[in-house]
Amino acid sequence: MGAEPEQFGVVLFDNGKPGPGWVSANGGESMRIAGIGDLDTGCLWLSNLGFDAFHESGQGWNGWLRHAGYLRIRLDRIEEEWGVVGIDDSVRVSYLAGLFSHVMTVSRAMGVHRLRAASLAHEMADLLDPPEFPDGKATEVTRDALQEWTRTPLRVAKETELVALSVPRLVHAAAMFRQPVPLGPWRHLTESRLPPPGKRLQWLMELDVPAVARVKIHGIDGVGDTLGFGLGARDEMDRPIRREWVTSPELGVLSQFANVEVIGAWVGGGYGSMQLGEHIEGALGSAAALSSWSVGLAAENLWVGATRRESRPPRGQTARISWRASWLRAADRMQMFMLAELLSRKGWQVFSYGTGTVTVVAPAARDRQRLIRDALGLGLEVPMGFAMRTGKVDDATWGGEAKVGPVALLRAMGQRDVVYQLDELATAPVEEFSAVVGEMAGAAR
């Protein structure tokens, strides 16, 4: 297995290619390196190499280096969320290394130690109870029903600026952990075994057991561009899928807006729940966790790990996608669809949604403060980079989970150093956090 890393660092290679660059471990002082051979082997390094560049340069064999998307979101999105885009590499690398160290500290507290997988989400998946997988004809059902995100039909130019507006990650992860998990045994109902056509949809909606319906969509009323049924669905080879199977969470939303014809179904035996171990609940449930970006990102990797596509079927199985994966992804997309539609009704152009995020087209400068106010009012956080480029926003109010409101507003004001300090404290030992918070409260009085 190899020794566990003693530190966590970031390396920013010049021009995004292996070679010279800037490095920092645990957020400490940055330094120059001449190449990969200068990297400390006591450290796990997150790099700015994209997935393709990482593997094309042979770094897939390097146990000390990870590609830019290891934390599920790419390094450039982290830079935008923290407002460090464009600052000198020697400064930026220390910020990013500190954040990487925070996330991995939380991940270790949750029980992640092997650190051999290609992504943190895959590491996290091993912390959960194994899910149920379909077999036989049902393998195509979860494959077809799984969709990670929706890309609306909106056409944009390549250079168009996009803004990712997100539900606070820990809040959204908690909602995913509360989702019921479908359980078997599963039975296939062909058309001949279903109620008459006009009664099938209502019958499925009233079942108290999980169901996956085979459907035809004959039009969507009013929200077709936002709902974008099946747009963005891909198979394991990244090829478009013409979807026809939908799980109960998606069927419930489709039934409100679309003319749905049910032509078949699979019905399960009941529901269970995701069981989080003591270590996980302790790491995610502390008083400081809601103020922490890093805790939120670790929690997001956990629920996304629960929906992973297996690189090969588990032993004794033929399917690569579990029933749980299809359910959680549908629940996530439908929750984000609702927020996307609310943004659309306020006049904002929705580009995509999924995994707790709605991405919109950045408006002209005169409308950017209004976008920030609207996003905050719906309980969506704004990237600090976008907020800092926009400037001070007056009269903004937070409409989401009350406990995360103060930090969300600090982010919208571009208070990067304050938010970073809160993140650092939230991932520190409990006694250290309590002492510093006490000092801060005393100074404020």
Protein backbone atom coordinates (compact mmCIF):
# COMPACT_ATOMS: atom_id res chain seq x y z
CA MET A 1 0.00 0.00 0.00
CA GLY A 2 2.84 2.43 0.67
CA ALA A 3 3.24 5.00 3.38
CA GLU A 4 0.55 7.63 3.98
CA PRO A 5 1.53 11.16 2.89
CA GLU A 6 2.81 13.37 5.67
CA GLN A 7 1.72 16.54 3.87
CA PHE A 8 -0.58 17.73 1.08
CA GLY A 9 0.60 20.23 -1.47
CA VAL A 10 -0.12 21.88 -4.78
CA VAL A 11 2.18 22.21 -7.78
CA LEU A 12 1.45 24.78 -10.49
CA PHE A 13 3.51 23.82 -13.50
CA ASP A 14 4.42 26.64 -15.86
CA ASN A 15 2.08 26.58 -18.89
CA GLY A 16 0.21 23.57 -17.48
CA LYS A 17 2.85 21.08 -18.60
CA PRO A 18 5.26 18.93 -16.52
CA GLY A 19 8.43 20.89 -15.90
CA PRO A 20 9.35 23.98 -13.86
CA GLY A 21 6.75 25.48 -11.55
CA TRP A 22 5.73 26.71 -8.12
CA VAL A 23 4.93 24.42 -5.18
CA SER A 24 3.64 24.75 -1.64
CA ALA A 25 2.97 22.09 0.98
CA ASN A 26 0.18 22.52 3.55
CA GLY A 27 -0.17 26.19 2.57
CA GLY A 28 3.39 27.02 3.61
CA GLU A 29 5.88 29.26 1.85
CA SER A 30 6.05 28.68 -1.88
CA MET A 31 9.17 27.68 -3.76
CA ARG A 32 10.32 27.03 -7.33
CA ILE A 33 11.10 23.59 -8.69
CA ALA A 34 12.92 22.66 -11.87
CA GLY A 35 10.71 19.66 -12.55
CA ILE A 36 8.77 16.70 -11.20
CA GLY A 37 11.94 15.15 -9.84
CA ASP A 38 12.14 17.96 -7.25
CA LEU A 39 8.80 17.04 -5.61
CA ASP A 40 9.01 15.78 -2.02
CA THR A 41 7.88 12.16 -1.85
CA GLY A 42 6.49 12.66 1.65
CA CYS A 43 3.71 14.78 0.15
CA LEU A 44 0.67 14.07 -2.04
CA TRP A 45 0.65 16.73 -4.77
CA LEU A 46 -2.42 18.15 -6.49
CA SER A 47 -1.32 19.53 -9.86
CA ASN A 48 -2.72 21.87 -12.49
CA LEU A 49 -2.41 19.14 -15.14
CA GLY A 50 -5.73 18.37 -16.78
CA PHE A 51 -6.82 14.73 -16.99
CA ASP A 52 -5.60 14.25 -20.56
CA ALA A 53 -2.31 16.09 -20.04
CA PHE A 54 -1.73 14.14 -16.84
CA HIS A 55 -2.04 10.74 -18.50
CA GLU A 56 -0.48 11.69 -21.83
CA SER A 57 2.66 12.77 -19.95
CA GLY A 58 2.82 9.42 -18.14
CA GLN A 59 1.90 10.79 -14.71
CA GLY A 60 -0.78 8.15 -14.21
CA TRP A 61 2.08 5.98 -12.93
CA ASN A 62 3.18 8.63 -10.40
CA GLY A 63 1.87 7.74 -6.94
CA TRP A 64 2.71 11.18 -5.53
CA LEU A 65 0.90 13.32 -8.12
CA ARG A 66 -2.79 13.88 -8.88
CA HIS A 67 -4.51 15.60 -11.82
CA ALA A 68 -6.39 18.91 -11.52
CA GLY A 69 -9.79 17.23 -11.09
CA TYR A 70 -8.84 14.93 -8.21
CA LEU A 71 -11.14 16.80 -5.78
CA ARG A 72 -14.05 16.40 -8.26
CA ILE A 73 -14.03 20.10 -9.15
CA ARG A 74 -11.09 21.27 -11.24
CA LEU A 75 -8.35 23.43 -9.79
CA ASP A 76 -9.36 26.38 -11.98
CA ARG A 77 -12.88 26.31 -10.51
CA ILE A 78 -11.40 26.29 -7.00
CA GLU A 79 -9.39 29.36 -7.99
CA GLU A 80 -12.57 31.12 -9.16
CA GLU A 81 -14.52 30.11 -6.04
CA TRP A 82 -11.77 31.62 -3.91
CA GLY A 83 -11.05 34.68 -6.05
CA VAL A 84 -7.36 33.89 -6.63
CA VAL A 85 -7.49 33.85 -10.43
CA GLY A 86 -4.85 36.13 -11.89
CA ILE A 87 -2.74 36.66 -8.78
CA ASP A 88 0.92 35.68 -8.88
CA ASP A 89 1.55 31.93 -8.97
CA SER A 90 3.88 32.16 -5.98
CA VAL A 91 1.00 33.48 -3.84
CA ARG A 92 -1.82 31.52 -5.42
CA VAL A 93 -0.10 28.16 -4.91
CA SER A 94 0.07 28.67 -1.14
CA TYR A 95 -3.65 29.47 -0.95
CA LEU A 96 -4.53 26.39 -2.96
CA ALA A 97 -2.16 24.14 -1.02
CA GLY A 98 -3.72 25.27 2.25
CA LEU A 99 -7.18 24.44 0.95
CA PHE A 100 -6.06 21.04 -0.36
CA SER A 101 -4.55 20.28 3.03
CA HIS A 102 -7.81 21.29 4.77
CA VAL A 103 -9.91 19.03 2.52
CA MET A 104 -7.60 16.07 3.02
CA THR A 105 -7.49 16.63 6.79
CA VAL A 106 -11.29 16.34 6.85
CA SER A 107 -11.16 13.32 4.53
CA ARG A 108 -8.76 11.54 6.85
CA ALA A 109 -11.02 12.27 9.81
CA MET A 110 -13.84 10.64 7.81
CA GLY A 111 -11.74 7.51 7.33
CA VAL A 112 -9.93 7.98 4.01
CA HIS A 113 -6.37 6.66 4.27
CA ARG A 114 -5.42 4.57 1.24
CA LEU A 115 -5.14 7.48 -1.23
CA ARG A 116 -4.58 5.28 -4.24
CA ALA A 117 -7.65 6.08 -6.35
CA ALA A 118 -7.78 8.51 -9.26
CA SER A 119 -10.22 10.78 -7.44
CA LEU A 120 -11.23 11.62 -3.89
CA ALA A 121 -14.83 10.60 -4.67
CA HIS A 122 -13.61 7.07 -5.44
CA GLU A 123 -11.68 7.04 -2.16
CA MET A 124 -14.83 8.14 -0.33
CA ALA A 125 -17.04 5.49 -1.93
CA ASP A 126 -15.19 2.79 -0.01
CA LEU A 127 -16.40 4.34 3.28
CA LEU A 128 -20.02 3.47 2.49
CA ASP A 129 -21.93 0.22 2.55
CA PRO A 130 -21.87 -1.45 -0.90
CA PRO A 131 -24.98 -0.56 -2.93
CA GLU A 132 -27.35 -2.93 -4.70
CA PHE A 133 -26.65 -3.53 -8.39
CA PRO A 134 -29.16 -4.70 -11.00
CA ASP A 135 -28.67 -7.90 -12.95
CA GLY A 136 -29.94 -9.36 -16.17
CA LYS A 137 -32.16 -7.08 -18.23
CA ALA A 138 -32.21 -4.49 -15.43
CA THR A 139 -28.56 -3.55 -16.06
CA GLU A 140 -29.64 -1.31 -18.93
CA VAL A 141 -32.18 0.42 -16.67
CA THR A 142 -29.71 2.03 -14.25
CA ARG A 143 -27.34 2.74 -17.13
CA ASP A 144 -30.09 4.65 -18.94
CA ALA A 145 -31.54 6.33 -15.84
CA LEU A 146 -28.22 7.72 -14.56
CA GLN A 147 -27.54 11.32 -15.57
CA GLU A 148 -25.09 13.51 -13.66
CA TRP A 149 -26.05 16.91 -15.06
CA THR A 150 -28.37 18.61 -17.53
CA ARG A 151 -27.11 20.84 -20.33
CA THR A 152 -29.87 23.16 -21.52
CA PRO A 153 -30.33 23.89 -25.27
CA LEU A 154 -28.89 27.39 -24.75
CA ARG A 155 -26.26 28.18 -27.35
CA VAL A 156 -23.30 30.27 -26.22
CA ALA A 157 -20.06 31.39 -27.81
CA LYS A 158 -16.86 29.67 -26.69
CA GLU A 159 -15.60 32.81 -24.93
CA THR A 160 -18.86 33.37 -22.99
CA GLU A 161 -18.32 33.88 -19.27
CA LEU A 162 -20.27 31.44 -17.11
CA VAL A 163 -21.02 31.67 -13.39
CA ALA A 164 -21.46 28.58 -11.19
CA LEU A 165 -24.00 29.27 -8.41
CA SER A 166 -24.08 26.54 -5.77
CA VAL A 167 -26.12 25.38 -2.82
CA PRO A 168 -23.67 25.34 0.14
CA ARG A 169 -22.02 21.95 -0.29
CA LEU A 170 -22.56 20.58 3.20
CA VAL A 171 -26.23 21.59 3.10
CA HIS A 172 -26.74 19.88 -0.25
CA ALA A 173 -24.77 16.79 0.79
CA ALA A 174 -26.94 16.46 3.90
CA ALA A 175 -30.03 16.52 1.66
CA MET A 176 -28.51 13.76 -0.47
CA PHE A 177 -27.68 11.65 2.59
CA ARG A 178 -31.34 11.92 3.66
CA GLN A 179 -32.60 10.55 0.35
CA PRO A 180 -34.21 7.11 0.57
CA VAL A 181 -32.13 4.36 -1.02
CA PRO A 182 -34.02 1.91 -3.26
CA LEU A 183 -33.84 -1.76 -2.35
CA GLY A 184 -34.87 -5.00 -4.06
CA PRO A 185 -36.02 -7.49 -4.90
CA TRP A 186 -36.89 -5.96 -8.28
CA ARG A 187 -39.51 -7.21 -10.70
CA HIS A 188 -40.12 -6.21 -14.30
CA LEU A 189 -43.60 -5.06 -15.31
CA THR A 190 -44.28 -5.10 -19.04
CA GLU A 191 -47.19 -3.14 -20.52
CA SER A 192 -49.50 -6.12 -20.16
CA ARG A 193 -48.87 -6.21 -16.39
CA LEU A 194 -49.46 -2.47 -15.86
CA PRO A 195 -52.77 -0.67 -15.30
CA PRO A 196 -54.51 0.84 -18.35
CA PRO A 197 -52.44 3.57 -20.10
CA GLY A 198 -54.35 6.50 -18.62
CA LYS A 199 -53.85 5.27 -15.05
CA ARG A 200 -50.22 4.07 -15.10
CA LEU A 201 -48.51 7.31 -14.17
CA GLN A 202 -50.72 7.96 -11.15
CA TRP A 203 -50.42 4.32 -10.07
CA LEU A 204 -46.61 4.52 -10.11
CA MET A 205 -46.63 7.84 -8.26
CA GLU A 206 -48.75 6.38 -5.47
CA LEU A 207 -46.55 3.31 -4.86
CA ASP A 208 -44.76 3.18 -1.51
CA VAL A 209 -41.88 1.21 -3.05
CA PRO A 210 -39.26 2.42 -5.55
CA ALA A 211 -40.08 2.36 -9.24
CA VAL A 212 -38.26 3.06 -12.48
CA ALA A 213 -40.54 3.86 -15.38
CA ARG A 214 -39.93 3.43 -19.09
CA VAL A 215 -41.45 6.53 -20.63
CA LYS A 216 -42.12 8.49 -23.77
CA ILE A 217 -42.30 12.27 -23.41
CA HIS A 218 -44.91 13.95 -25.61
CA GLY A 219 -44.09 17.57 -24.87
CA ILE A 220 -43.06 19.65 -21.85
CA ASP A 221 -45.18 22.62 -20.80
CA GLY A 222 -43.43 25.95 -20.26
CA VAL A 223 -40.14 24.68 -18.80
CA GLY A 224 -38.86 22.56 -21.68
CA ASP A 225 -35.67 24.55 -22.22
CA THR A 226 -34.75 24.40 -18.54
CA LEU A 227 -35.85 20.85 -17.85
CA GLY A 228 -34.04 19.62 -20.97
CA PHE A 229 -35.03 15.97 -20.55
CA GLY A 230 -32.06 13.74 -21.34
CA LEU A 231 -29.81 16.59 -22.49
CA GLY A 232 -26.33 15.90 -21.15
CA ALA A 233 -26.88 12.17 -20.54
CA ARG A 234 -23.81 10.13 -21.43
CA ASP A 235 -22.76 6.50 -21.24
CA GLU A 236 -19.46 5.21 -19.86
CA MET A 237 -17.77 6.01 -23.20
CA ASP A 238 -19.08 9.62 -23.05
CA ARG A 239 -21.52 9.00 -25.90
CA PRO A 240 -25.00 10.65 -25.85
CA ILE A 241 -27.84 8.45 -24.59
CA ARG A 242 -31.45 8.66 -25.80
CA ARG A 243 -32.96 8.15 -22.38
CA GLU A 244 -36.25 6.41 -21.73
CA TRP A 245 -35.96 5.18 -18.10
CA VAL A 246 -36.63 7.53 -15.17
CA THR A 247 -36.53 6.92 -11.42
CA SER A 248 -39.24 7.96 -8.97
CA PRO A 249 -37.62 11.35 -8.08
CA GLU A 250 -37.45 12.40 -11.73
CA LEU A 251 -40.85 10.95 -12.60
CA GLY A 252 -42.41 13.07 -9.86
CA VAL A 253 -41.13 16.28 -11.47
CA LEU A 254 -41.84 15.19 -15.04
CA SER A 255 -45.43 14.44 -14.10
CA GLN A 256 -45.89 18.12 -13.16
CA PHE A 257 -44.61 19.60 -16.41
CA ALA A 258 -44.72 16.98 -19.17
CA ASN A 259 -47.11 14.72 -21.02
CA VAL A 260 -45.68 11.38 -19.89
CA GLU A 261 -46.61 8.02 -21.39
CA VAL A 262 -45.54 5.01 -19.29
CA ILE A 263 -44.74 1.91 -21.36
CA GLY A 264 -42.99 -0.28 -18.79
CA ALA A 265 -41.56 -0.34 -15.27
CA TRP A 266 -39.33 -2.02 -12.74
CA VAL A 267 -40.61 -2.05 -9.18
CA GLY A 268 -38.46 -2.63 -6.09
CA GLY A 269 -39.13 -4.07 -2.68
CA GLY A 270 -38.74 -1.03 -0.44
CA TYR A 271 -36.44 1.72 0.77
CA GLY A 272 -33.46 1.92 3.07
CA SER A 273 -31.17 4.77 4.06
CA MET A 274 -27.52 5.67 3.69
CA GLN A 275 -25.66 4.70 6.82
CA LEU A 276 -22.83 7.08 7.68
CA GLY A 277 -20.25 5.79 10.12
CA GLU A 278 -19.32 7.46 13.38
CA HIS A 279 -16.16 9.00 11.91
CA ILE A 280 -18.09 10.54 9.04
CA GLU A 281 -20.83 11.97 11.22
CA GLY A 282 -18.23 13.37 13.59
CA ALA A 283 -16.28 15.10 10.81
CA LEU A 284 -19.36 16.54 9.08
CA GLY A 285 -21.47 17.30 12.13
CA SER A 286 -19.25 19.60 14.17
CA ALA A 287 -20.39 23.06 15.14
CA ALA A 288 -17.79 24.58 12.83
CA ALA A 289 -18.50 22.42 9.79
CA LEU A 290 -21.13 24.69 8.23
CA SER A 291 -18.60 27.52 8.02
CA SER A 292 -16.09 25.39 6.15
CA TRP A 293 -15.69 25.18 2.38
CA SER A 294 -13.35 22.21 2.85
CA VAL A 295 -15.80 20.19 4.94
CA GLY A 296 -18.44 20.87 2.29
CA LEU A 297 -16.19 19.68 -0.53
CA ALA A 298 -15.31 16.51 1.38
CA ALA A 299 -19.03 15.86 1.96
CA GLU A 300 -19.77 16.43 -1.72
CA ASN A 301 -17.11 13.89 -2.69
CA LEU A 302 -18.76 11.39 -0.34
CA TRP A 303 -22.25 11.60 -1.85
CA VAL A 304 -20.85 11.77 -5.39
CA GLY A 305 -18.76 8.70 -4.54
CA ALA A 306 -22.01 6.93 -3.66
CA THR A 307 -23.12 7.45 -7.28
CA ARG A 308 -19.93 6.48 -9.08
CA ARG A 309 -19.82 4.48 -12.27
CA GLU A 310 -17.68 1.46 -11.52
CA SER A 311 -14.74 1.04 -13.87
CA ARG A 312 -15.65 -2.66 -13.97
CA PRO A 313 -18.61 -4.58 -12.53
CA PRO A 314 -18.13 -5.56 -8.86
CA ARG A 315 -17.36 -9.23 -8.25
CA GLY A 316 -20.37 -11.37 -9.01
CA GLN A 317 -22.18 -8.52 -10.82
CA THR A 318 -22.72 -7.58 -14.46
CA ALA A 319 -23.76 -3.94 -13.95
CA ARG A 320 -21.50 -0.94 -13.37
CA ILE A 321 -24.18 1.47 -12.11
CA SER A 322 -26.11 0.84 -8.90
CA TRP A 323 -29.77 1.54 -8.16
CA ARG A 324 -28.58 4.02 -5.51
CA ALA A 325 -26.51 5.96 -8.05
CA SER A 326 -29.48 6.48 -10.38
CA TRP A 327 -31.69 7.58 -7.47
CA LEU A 328 -29.32 10.10 -5.91
CA ARG A 329 -28.36 11.67 -9.22
CA ALA A 330 -32.01 12.11 -10.15
CA ALA A 331 -32.83 13.65 -6.78
CA ASP A 332 -29.91 16.06 -7.15
CA ARG A 333 -30.81 17.13 -10.69
CA MET A 334 -34.48 17.64 -9.85
CA GLN A 335 -33.62 19.82 -6.84
CA MET A 336 -31.29 21.88 -9.02
CA PHE A 337 -33.86 22.05 -11.83
CA MET A 338 -36.25 23.80 -9.46
CA LEU A 339 -33.62 26.43 -8.65
CA ALA A 340 -32.61 26.71 -12.31
CA GLU A 341 -36.20 27.38 -13.29
CA LEU A 342 -36.54 30.07 -10.61
CA LEU A 343 -33.41 31.76 -11.98
CA SER A 344 -34.76 31.47 -15.51
CA ARG A 345 -38.01 33.15 -14.47
CA LYS A 346 -35.95 36.02 -13.08
CA GLY A 347 -34.44 36.50 -16.52
CA TRP A 348 -31.11 34.67 -16.18
CA GLN A 349 -29.86 32.36 -18.94
CA VAL A 350 -29.33 28.87 -17.53
CA PHE A 351 -26.51 26.91 -19.17
CA SER A 352 -26.51 23.72 -17.07
CA TYR A 353 -27.31 22.28 -13.65
CA GLY A 354 -26.45 19.32 -11.45
CA THR A 355 -24.28 18.28 -8.47
CA GLY A 356 -25.62 21.11 -6.34
CA THR A 357 -24.86 23.80 -8.92
CA VAL A 358 -26.69 25.93 -11.47
CA THR A 359 -24.44 27.51 -14.10
CA VAL A 360 -25.70 30.68 -15.78
CA VAL A 361 -24.39 33.09 -18.38
CA ALA A 362 -22.69 36.07 -16.74
CA PRO A 363 -24.72 39.18 -17.55
CA ALA A 364 -23.49 42.61 -18.56
CA ALA A 365 -21.70 44.58 -15.85
CA ARG A 366 -24.79 46.68 -15.01
CA ASP A 367 -26.78 43.53 -14.08
CA ARG A 368 -24.18 41.61 -12.10
CA GLN A 369 -25.15 42.95 -8.70
CA ARG A 370 -28.75 41.94 -9.39
CA LEU A 371 -27.63 38.40 -10.27
CA ILE A 372 -25.74 38.15 -6.97
CA ARG A 373 -28.77 39.39 -5.03
CA ASP A 374 -31.07 36.94 -6.82
CA ALA A 375 -28.70 34.01 -6.25
CA LEU A 376 -28.27 34.74 -2.56
CA GLY A 377 -32.02 35.16 -2.18
CA LEU A 378 -32.50 31.62 -3.52
CA GLY A 379 -29.85 30.17 -1.19
CA LEU A 380 -27.12 29.90 -3.82
CA GLU A 381 -23.52 30.89 -3.09
CA VAL A 382 -21.59 33.08 -5.52
CA PRO A 383 -17.94 32.45 -6.50
CA MET A 384 -15.69 34.96 -4.76
CA GLY A 385 -13.89 35.66 -8.03
CA PHE A 386 -17.12 36.82 -9.67
CA ALA A 387 -18.11 38.77 -6.55
CA MET A 388 -14.75 40.53 -6.36
CA ARG A 389 -14.92 41.53 -10.03
CA THR A 390 -18.45 42.84 -9.51
CA GLY A 391 -17.79 44.97 -6.42
CA LYS A 392 -19.86 45.68 -3.34
CA VAL A 393 -23.49 44.53 -3.45
CA ASP A 394 -25.92 46.48 -1.30
CA ASP A 395 -29.08 45.10 0.31
CA ALA A 396 -28.26 41.42 -0.34
CA THR A 397 -30.16 38.93 1.81
CA TRP A 398 -29.67 35.20 2.23
CA GLY A 399 -32.63 32.94 1.49
CA GLY A 400 -31.09 29.55 2.20
CA GLU A 401 -30.17 27.59 5.33
CA ALA A 402 -29.88 30.28 8.02
CA LYS A 403 -26.79 28.85 9.70
CA VAL A 404 -24.65 29.22 6.57
CA GLY A 405 -25.94 32.68 5.70
CA PRO A 406 -23.14 34.71 7.34
CA VAL A 407 -20.39 32.85 5.47
CA ALA A 408 -22.33 32.99 2.18
CA LEU A 409 -22.60 36.76 2.55
CA LEU A 410 -18.90 37.05 3.40
CA ARG A 411 -18.11 35.16 0.19
CA ALA A 412 -20.39 37.46 -1.79
CA MET A 413 -18.48 40.43 -0.36
CA GLY A 414 -15.18 38.91 -1.46
CA GLN A 415 -13.87 38.55 2.11
CA ARG A 416 -11.40 35.88 1.08
CA ASP A 417 -9.01 36.08 4.02
CA VAL A 418 -11.81 35.93 6.60
CA VAL A 419 -13.45 32.96 4.90
CA TYR A 420 -10.09 31.22 4.62
CA GLN A 421 -9.44 31.70 8.33
CA LEU A 422 -12.86 30.21 9.14
CA ASP A 423 -12.06 27.26 6.91
CA GLU A 424 -8.70 26.78 8.60
CA LEU A 425 -10.27 26.89 12.04
CA ALA A 426 -13.04 24.46 11.12
CA THR A 427 -10.48 21.81 10.12
CA ALA A 428 -8.30 22.38 13.20
CA PRO A 429 -8.55 20.44 16.48
CA VAL A 430 -11.70 21.30 18.48
CA GLU A 431 -9.83 22.94 21.34
CA GLU A 432 -7.91 25.21 18.96
CA PHE A 433 -11.12 26.24 17.18
CA SER A 434 -12.90 27.05 20.46
CA ALA A 435 -9.99 29.12 21.76
CA VAL A 436 -9.67 31.24 18.62
CA VAL A 437 -13.42 31.79 18.29
CA GLY A 438 -13.46 32.93 21.91
CA GLU A 439 -10.71 35.44 21.19
CA MET A 440 -12.57 36.72 18.13
CA ALA A 441 -15.80 37.13 20.12
CA GLY A 442 -13.94 38.97 22.86
CA ALA A 443 -12.36 41.33 20.38
CA ALA A 444 -15.76 42.07 18.85
CA ARG A 445 -17.33 43.13 22.15
